[in-house]
């Protein structure tokens, strides 16, 4: 029986193959954004005046269904950037998360902070796409890639000038960290069951070399948790659902950051 992640990855193989038929790598390389120099999320996480939050735009998820069908990319992402976000995360998976590459392109046109293409990357083509639509960072998920695949894709992305956020979930996945990994994310959400355990981050943190900035992902809905994780050694905090489930995500982010600054 397939878990959610298996279903997503299986679908992704067919979906990407279809897109590749419709638009060649050469065509993507001719995109206006392809020659743009990417912004560094690694450096933005420690930039003065920014709070380390990588704020996400996400319409739905496999576990929660529709989260927010009415929010617009430009309104939400510009509010995130205006209120001190260190980076943006934009879902580009359509089938399971209701996102699109157009969402990321809109976010890029309206903002000048790093953007993570949040998707399930399985091959080089999606990395070329990410560069062509103006992303600065790609996500590689250790759970659904072999060590050799991570190594190859991380190097490929690095050579295109993109940063790599490698997402891990268990201690045995730490061996997949490569020299071309720029940031290591620890997902508090089990990608097979979608259950959240905030203290998973704490357990794995100590096992990751100091040279890699660490990003905590999922389940952070209280500014006090950010402070706790920051004190433990995290420099980035990827948060999406908490803001997106609010009627006004922009306002929710502003309130959250105001509370965080007061702690």
Protein backbone atom coordinates (compact mmCIF):
# COMPACT_ATOMS: atom_id res chain seq x y z
CA UNK A 1 0.00 0.00 0.00
CA UNK A 2 1.43 3.36 -1.05
CA UNK A 3 1.83 6.20 1.44
CA UNK A 4 1.21 9.83 0.47
CA UNK A 5 4.82 10.48 -0.49
CA UNK A 6 4.97 7.41 -2.75
CA UNK A 7 1.81 8.57 -4.54
CA UNK A 8 3.17 12.07 -5.04
CA UNK A 9 6.51 10.84 -6.41
CA UNK A 10 4.86 8.31 -8.73
CA UNK A 11 2.60 11.02 -10.12
CA UNK A 12 5.55 13.43 -10.42
CA UNK A 13 7.46 11.10 -12.77
CA UNK A 14 4.58 11.11 -15.27
CA UNK A 15 3.88 14.81 -14.84
CA UNK A 16 7.48 15.89 -15.42
CA UNK A 17 7.84 13.62 -18.46
CA UNK A 18 4.78 15.30 -20.01
CA UNK A 19 6.13 18.80 -19.32
CA UNK A 20 9.47 17.90 -20.83
CA UNK A 21 7.74 16.88 -24.05
CA UNK A 22 6.07 20.27 -24.24
CA UNK A 23 9.06 22.46 -23.39
CA UNK A 24 12.67 21.52 -24.00
CA UNK A 25 15.62 22.28 -21.74
CA UNK A 26 16.99 24.54 -24.49
CA UNK A 27 13.76 26.54 -24.47
CA UNK A 28 13.89 26.89 -20.67
CA UNK A 29 17.49 28.09 -20.93
CA UNK A 30 16.30 30.93 -23.19
CA UNK A 31 13.88 32.20 -20.52
CA UNK A 32 14.54 35.81 -19.43
CA UNK A 33 15.07 34.73 -15.81
CA UNK A 34 17.59 32.01 -16.60
CA UNK A 35 20.59 34.34 -16.68
CA UNK A 36 19.63 36.09 -13.45
CA UNK A 37 22.02 35.74 -10.50
CA UNK A 38 20.23 33.92 -7.70
CA UNK A 39 19.90 35.40 -4.22
CA UNK A 40 21.45 33.49 -1.33
CA UNK A 41 18.99 32.19 1.24
CA UNK A 42 21.98 31.11 3.31
CA UNK A 43 23.07 34.73 3.68
CA UNK A 44 19.55 36.16 4.02
CA UNK A 45 18.94 33.95 7.07
CA UNK A 46 21.51 35.98 9.00
CA UNK A 47 20.80 39.37 7.44
CA UNK A 48 20.09 42.16 9.97
CA UNK A 49 16.42 43.13 10.13
CA UNK A 50 15.22 39.70 9.00
CA UNK A 51 13.77 37.07 11.30
CA UNK A 52 14.93 33.77 9.79
CA UNK A 53 11.40 32.80 8.72
CA UNK A 54 10.96 31.24 5.29
CA UNK A 55 7.30 32.03 4.80
CA UNK A 56 5.28 29.76 2.54
CA UNK A 57 2.49 30.28 0.07
CA UNK A 58 0.40 27.11 -0.02
CA UNK A 59 -3.23 26.67 -1.09
CA UNK A 60 -3.85 23.08 -0.04
CA UNK A 61 -2.15 19.90 1.20
CA UNK A 62 -2.87 16.16 0.96
CA UNK A 63 -3.47 15.94 4.71
CA UNK A 64 -5.58 19.10 5.23
CA UNK A 65 -7.29 19.57 1.88
CA UNK A 66 -7.95 23.20 0.90
CA UNK A 67 -6.17 25.56 3.30
CA UNK A 68 -6.86 28.87 1.57
CA UNK A 69 -8.45 29.12 -1.85
CA UNK A 70 -8.83 32.91 -1.86
CA UNK A 71 -5.37 34.27 -1.01
CA UNK A 72 -3.37 35.87 -3.82
CA UNK A 73 0.34 35.27 -4.28
CA UNK A 74 1.39 38.89 -4.64
CA UNK A 75 -0.58 40.18 -1.64
CA UNK A 76 0.64 37.44 0.68
CA UNK A 77 4.29 37.20 -0.40
CA UNK A 78 4.88 40.96 -0.43
CA UNK A 79 3.48 41.13 3.12
CA UNK A 80 5.85 38.34 4.13
CA UNK A 81 8.83 40.20 2.66
CA UNK A 82 7.74 43.58 4.05
CA UNK A 83 7.52 42.17 7.55
CA UNK A 84 11.01 40.69 7.71
CA UNK A 85 10.82 37.21 6.17
CA UNK A 86 14.27 35.92 5.21
CA UNK A 87 12.87 33.97 2.29
CA UNK A 88 9.74 32.78 0.53
CA UNK A 89 8.66 29.22 -0.17
CA UNK A 90 6.24 28.77 -3.04
CA UNK A 91 4.53 25.45 -3.80
CA UNK A 92 4.68 24.62 -7.50
CA UNK A 93 3.01 21.19 -7.29
CA UNK A 94 -0.48 21.41 -8.76
CA UNK A 95 -2.00 17.97 -8.24
CA UNK A 96 -1.51 17.66 -4.47
CA UNK A 97 -0.85 21.23 -3.27
CA UNK A 98 -2.77 23.43 -5.72
CA UNK A 99 0.33 25.44 -6.66
CA UNK A 100 1.91 26.33 -9.98
CA UNK A 101 5.06 27.68 -11.57
CA UNK A 102 3.05 30.81 -12.35
CA UNK A 103 2.65 31.34 -8.58
CA UNK A 104 6.43 31.40 -8.20
CA UNK A 105 6.86 33.70 -11.18
CA UNK A 106 4.36 36.15 -9.69
CA UNK A 107 6.17 36.02 -6.34
CA UNK A 108 9.50 36.61 -8.11
CA UNK A 109 8.21 39.63 -10.03
CA UNK A 110 6.95 41.25 -6.82
CA UNK A 111 9.79 40.47 -4.37
CA UNK A 112 13.54 40.77 -4.00
CA UNK A 113 14.24 38.14 -1.36
CA UNK A 114 15.23 34.48 -1.96
CA UNK A 115 12.51 32.11 -3.19
CA UNK A 116 12.51 28.37 -2.61
CA UNK A 117 10.79 26.29 -5.25
CA UNK A 118 8.85 23.89 -3.02
CA UNK A 119 8.23 20.74 -5.00
CA UNK A 120 9.21 17.10 -5.22
CA UNK A 121 12.36 17.22 -7.34
CA UNK A 122 13.19 13.93 -9.03
CA UNK A 123 15.46 15.03 -11.87
CA UNK A 124 17.53 17.67 -13.63
CA UNK A 125 14.64 19.03 -15.70
CA UNK A 126 12.84 20.47 -12.65
CA UNK A 127 16.04 22.21 -11.57
CA UNK A 128 16.38 23.87 -14.97
CA UNK A 129 12.71 24.86 -14.66
CA UNK A 130 13.39 26.36 -11.22
CA UNK A 131 16.18 28.52 -12.65
CA UNK A 132 14.00 29.55 -15.60
CA UNK A 133 11.10 30.76 -13.40
CA UNK A 134 13.28 32.78 -11.04
CA UNK A 135 13.75 30.47 -8.04
CA UNK A 136 16.90 30.86 -5.95
CA UNK A 137 16.75 27.61 -3.98
CA UNK A 138 15.52 24.10 -4.70
CA UNK A 139 14.32 21.50 -2.23
CA UNK A 140 15.72 17.97 -2.30
CA UNK A 141 13.86 15.52 -0.07
CA UNK A 142 16.11 12.77 1.31
CA UNK A 143 13.09 10.55 1.94
CA UNK A 144 12.42 10.09 -1.78
CA UNK A 145 15.92 10.23 -3.29
CA UNK A 146 18.91 7.89 -3.03
CA UNK A 147 22.25 9.16 -1.76
CA UNK A 148 23.61 9.10 -5.33
CA UNK A 149 20.59 11.02 -6.65
CA UNK A 150 20.95 13.70 -3.96
CA UNK A 151 24.66 14.05 -4.75
CA UNK A 152 24.04 14.38 -8.49
CA UNK A 153 21.08 16.77 -8.25
CA UNK A 154 22.71 18.98 -5.60
CA UNK A 155 25.82 19.36 -7.76
CA UNK A 156 23.67 20.05 -10.84
CA UNK A 157 21.74 22.78 -9.02
CA UNK A 158 24.92 24.28 -7.55
CA UNK A 159 26.46 24.47 -11.02
CA UNK A 160 23.41 26.43 -12.20
CA UNK A 161 23.95 28.90 -9.37
CA UNK A 162 21.06 27.68 -7.22
CA UNK A 163 21.24 26.83 -3.52
CA UNK A 164 20.07 23.47 -2.23
CA UNK A 165 17.95 22.87 0.86
CA UNK A 166 18.21 19.17 1.70
CA UNK A 167 15.29 18.01 3.81
CA UNK A 168 15.93 15.15 6.23
CA UNK A 169 13.60 13.39 8.60
CA UNK A 170 15.61 10.65 10.27
CA UNK A 171 19.19 10.19 11.48
CA UNK A 172 20.06 7.69 8.75
CA UNK A 173 19.26 10.32 6.09
CA UNK A 174 22.06 12.56 7.34
CA UNK A 175 24.51 10.51 5.26
CA UNK A 176 22.86 12.07 2.18
CA UNK A 177 24.24 15.53 3.03
CA UNK A 178 26.69 16.45 0.24
CA UNK A 179 29.36 19.14 -0.32
CA UNK A 180 26.82 20.91 -2.57
CA UNK A 181 24.14 21.03 0.12
CA UNK A 182 23.82 24.66 1.23
CA UNK A 183 21.22 24.25 3.98
CA UNK A 184 19.81 21.27 5.88
CA UNK A 185 16.13 21.23 6.74
CA UNK A 186 14.68 19.00 9.41
CA UNK A 187 11.03 18.23 8.81
CA UNK A 188 8.97 17.79 11.97
CA UNK A 189 6.25 16.24 9.81
CA UNK A 190 6.51 12.56 8.94
CA UNK A 191 6.11 12.54 5.14
CA UNK A 192 4.54 9.09 5.23
CA UNK A 193 1.89 9.74 7.89
CA UNK A 194 1.92 13.59 7.93
CA UNK A 195 1.99 13.53 11.75
CA UNK A 196 3.96 16.40 13.35
CA UNK A 197 6.50 16.15 16.18
CA UNK A 198 8.24 19.48 16.87
CA UNK A 199 10.98 17.89 18.96
CA UNK A 200 12.27 15.81 16.05
CA UNK A 201 14.32 18.86 15.08
CA UNK A 202 16.04 18.93 18.46
CA UNK A 203 17.01 15.25 18.20
CA UNK A 204 18.67 15.53 14.79
CA UNK A 205 20.19 18.98 15.17
CA UNK A 206 23.22 17.90 17.18
CA UNK A 207 24.19 15.32 14.54
CA UNK A 208 24.49 17.85 11.69
CA UNK A 209 27.90 19.52 11.14
CA UNK A 210 28.09 23.16 12.23
CA UNK A 211 29.05 24.28 8.72
CA UNK A 212 25.48 23.75 7.48
CA UNK A 213 22.79 26.28 8.45
CA UNK A 214 19.79 24.37 9.83
CA UNK A 215 16.17 25.01 8.92
CA UNK A 216 13.29 23.71 11.06
CA UNK A 217 10.24 22.79 8.97
CA UNK A 218 6.56 22.28 9.88
CA UNK A 219 4.50 22.58 13.03
CA UNK A 220 5.69 25.97 14.32
CA UNK A 221 2.61 27.93 15.30
CA UNK A 222 3.94 29.85 18.31
CA UNK A 223 6.66 32.57 18.30
CA UNK A 224 8.02 31.03 21.53
CA UNK A 225 8.81 27.84 19.58
CA UNK A 226 10.92 29.89 17.14
CA UNK A 227 12.91 31.33 20.05
CA UNK A 228 13.39 27.83 21.50
CA UNK A 229 14.59 26.45 18.17
CA UNK A 230 16.82 29.46 17.51
CA UNK A 231 18.47 29.03 20.90
CA UNK A 232 19.03 25.36 20.07
CA UNK A 233 20.97 26.29 16.93
CA UNK A 234 18.49 26.73 14.08
CA UNK A 235 18.86 29.75 11.81
CA UNK A 236 15.83 29.16 9.55
CA UNK A 237 12.16 28.36 10.17
CA UNK A 238 9.96 27.25 7.27
CA UNK A 239 6.34 28.06 8.14
CA UNK A 240 3.36 27.89 5.83
CA UNK A 241 0.14 26.38 7.05
CA UNK A 242 -0.05 28.51 10.21
CA UNK A 243 -0.26 31.71 8.16
CA UNK A 244 -2.13 30.34 5.16
CA UNK A 245 -4.99 28.91 7.22
CA UNK A 246 -5.79 32.38 8.55
CA UNK A 247 -8.47 34.39 6.77
CA UNK A 248 -5.84 37.07 6.12
CA UNK A 249 -2.40 35.39 5.89
CA UNK A 250 -0.62 38.74 5.50
CA UNK A 251 -2.08 40.02 8.76
CA UNK A 252 -1.37 36.70 10.49
CA UNK A 253 2.29 36.94 9.52
CA UNK A 254 2.55 40.54 10.67
CA UNK A 255 1.02 39.66 14.06
CA UNK A 256 3.32 36.64 14.45
CA UNK A 257 6.47 38.64 13.68
CA UNK A 258 5.43 41.42 16.03
CA UNK A 259 5.02 38.87 18.83
CA UNK A 260 8.36 37.27 17.92
CA UNK A 261 10.17 40.61 18.04
CA UNK A 262 8.76 41.27 21.52
CA UNK A 263 10.20 38.05 22.97
